[in-house]
Amino acid sequence: MNFKPEIKELKLSETVFSKRVTENVQGDIIVPDTKGDIARILQTDAVAVIDSKDVSGGRATVSGTVYVNILYAPQ
């Protein structure tokens, strides 16, 4: 009998924090001169991308980037 084993990657995930966190962020939005000023924000969407994480001593530190899309009505 001819047996050929297959080697595949095994990925494991570990949940380090299972609650939802909401963080209010304030800042200025710079709109290019070619676009109209913001009269009303219609919708916002954000995607968080985790760049690194460290879990030690019961504490989790996460670093990442948040990409925000803003749909607005100009003046």
C-alpha atoms as a PDB file:
ATOM      1  CA  MET A   1       0.000   0.000   0.000  1.00  0.00           C
ATOM      2  CA  ASN A   2       1.349   3.408  -1.004  1.00  0.00           C
ATOM      3  CA  PHE A   3       0.587   6.147   1.571  1.00  0.00           C
ATOM      4  CA  LYS A   4       1.329   9.834   0.913  1.00  0.00           C
ATOM      5  CA  PRO A   5       0.737  12.138   3.908  1.00  0.00           C
ATOM      6  CA  GLU A   6      -0.566  15.660   3.406  1.00  0.00           C
ATOM      7  CA  ILE A   7       0.829  18.520   5.461  1.00  0.00           C
ATOM      8  CA  LYS A   8      -1.530  21.452   6.033  1.00  0.00           C
ATOM      9  CA  GLU A   9      -1.365  24.536   8.219  1.00  0.00           C
ATOM     10  CA  LEU A  10      -3.297  24.522  11.448  1.00  0.00           C
ATOM     11  CA  LYS A  11      -4.461  27.908  12.713  1.00  0.00           C
ATOM     12  CA  LEU A  12      -5.699  28.384  16.241  1.00  0.00           C
ATOM     13  CA  SER A  13      -7.596  31.374  17.585  1.00  0.00           C
ATOM     14  CA  GLU A  14      -7.776  32.434  21.170  1.00  0.00           C
ATOM     15  CA  THR A  15     -10.418  34.830  22.495  1.00  0.00           C
ATOM     16  CA  VAL A  16      -8.777  37.315  24.820  1.00  0.00           C
ATOM     17  CA  PHE A  17     -11.694  39.750  25.236  1.00  0.00           C
ATOM     18  CA  SER A  18     -15.317  38.904  24.555  1.00  0.00           C
ATOM     19  CA  LYS A  19     -17.176  42.137  25.253  1.00  0.00           C
ATOM     20  CA  ARG A  20     -18.112  44.936  22.898  1.00  0.00           C
ATOM     21  CA  VAL A  21     -16.335  48.222  23.464  1.00  0.00           C
ATOM     22  CA  THR A  22     -17.532  51.568  22.146  1.00  0.00           C
ATOM     23  CA  GLU A  23     -15.058  54.413  22.027  1.00  0.00           C
ATOM     24  CA  ASN A  24     -16.091  57.942  21.092  1.00  0.00           C
ATOM     25  CA  VAL A  25     -13.458  59.683  19.032  1.00  0.00           C
ATOM     26  CA  GLN A  26     -13.525  63.392  18.363  1.00  0.00           C
ATOM     27  CA  GLY A  27     -11.509  65.127  15.725  1.00  0.00           C
ATOM     28  CA  ASP A  28     -11.547  67.385  12.737  1.00  0.00           C
ATOM     29  CA  ILE A  29     -12.405  66.235   9.248  1.00  0.00           C
ATOM     30  CA  ILE A  30     -10.484  68.009   6.540  1.00  0.00           C
ATOM     31  CA  VAL A  31     -12.492  68.127   3.318  1.00  0.00           C
ATOM     32  CA  PRO A  32     -10.540  68.983   0.152  1.00  0.00           C
ATOM     33  CA  ASP A  33     -11.287  72.362  -1.435  1.00  0.00           C
ATOM     34  CA  THR A  34     -12.717  70.550  -4.479  1.00  0.00           C
ATOM     35  CA  LYS A  35     -15.531  69.133  -2.308  1.00  0.00           C
ATOM     36  CA  GLY A  36     -18.318  71.035  -0.569  1.00  0.00           C
ATOM     37  CA  ASP A  37     -18.277  71.551   3.189  1.00  0.00           C
ATOM     38  CA  ILE A  38     -20.160  68.996   5.281  1.00  0.00           C
ATOM     39  CA  ALA A  39     -23.770  69.998   5.940  1.00  0.00           C
ATOM     40  CA  ARG A  40     -24.971  66.673   7.359  1.00  0.00           C
ATOM     41  CA  ILE A  41     -23.411  63.262   7.980  1.00  0.00           C
ATOM     42  CA  LEU A  42     -25.590  60.524   6.498  1.00  0.00           C
ATOM     43  CA  GLN A  43     -23.685  57.371   7.429  1.00  0.00           C
ATOM     44  CA  THR A  44     -20.385  56.284   8.926  1.00  0.00           C
ATOM     45  CA  ASP A  45     -18.685  52.906   8.711  1.00  0.00           C
ATOM     46  CA  ALA A  46     -15.444  51.822  10.339  1.00  0.00           C
ATOM     47  CA  VAL A  47     -13.228  48.776  10.052  1.00  0.00           C
ATOM     48  CA  ALA A  48     -10.612  47.994  12.690  1.00  0.00           C
ATOM     49  CA  VAL A  49      -7.481  46.147  11.594  1.00  0.00           C
ATOM     50  CA  ILE A  50      -5.338  44.625  14.323  1.00  0.00           C
ATOM     51  CA  ASP A  51      -1.626  45.089  13.619  1.00  0.00           C
ATOM     52  CA  SER A  52      -0.279  43.454  16.780  1.00  0.00           C
ATOM     53  CA  LYS A  53      -1.416  42.039  20.091  1.00  0.00           C
ATOM     54  CA  ASP A  54       0.318  41.138  23.312  1.00  0.00           C
ATOM     55  CA  VAL A  55      -1.179  39.162  26.180  1.00  0.00           C
ATOM     56  CA  SER A  56       0.807  38.997  29.390  1.00  0.00           C
ATOM     57  CA  GLY A  57       0.061  39.105  33.078  1.00  0.00           C
ATOM     58  CA  GLY A  58      -3.722  39.157  32.601  1.00  0.00           C
ATOM     59  CA  ARG A  59      -3.511  42.245  30.403  1.00  0.00           C
ATOM     60  CA  ALA A  60      -4.110  42.450  26.659  1.00  0.00           C
ATOM     61  CA  THR A  61      -2.572  45.233  24.566  1.00  0.00           C
ATOM     62  CA  VAL A  62      -3.832  45.620  21.014  1.00  0.00           C
ATOM     63  CA  SER A  63      -2.447  47.996  18.396  1.00  0.00           C
ATOM     64  CA  GLY A  64      -4.142  48.657  15.110  1.00  0.00           C
ATOM     65  CA  THR A  65      -5.620  51.011  12.573  1.00  0.00           C
ATOM     66  CA  VAL A  66      -9.225  52.130  12.135  1.00  0.00           C
ATOM     67  CA  TYR A  67     -10.365  52.950   8.602  1.00  0.00           C
ATOM     68  CA  VAL A  68     -13.410  55.239   8.539  1.00  0.00           C
ATOM     69  CA  ASN A  69     -15.750  55.935   5.610  1.00  0.00           C
ATOM     70  CA  ILE A  70     -18.069  58.923   5.952  1.00  0.00           C
ATOM     71  CA  LEU A  71     -21.015  59.517   3.636  1.00  0.00           C
ATOM     72  CA  TYR A  72     -22.159  63.115   3.902  1.00  0.00           C
ATOM     73  CA  ALA A  73     -24.357  65.702   2.215  1.00  0.00           C
ATOM     74  CA  PRO A  74     -22.461  68.857   1.186  1.00  0.00           C
ATOM     75  CA  GLN A  75     -23.743  72.381   1.787  1.00  0.00           C
END
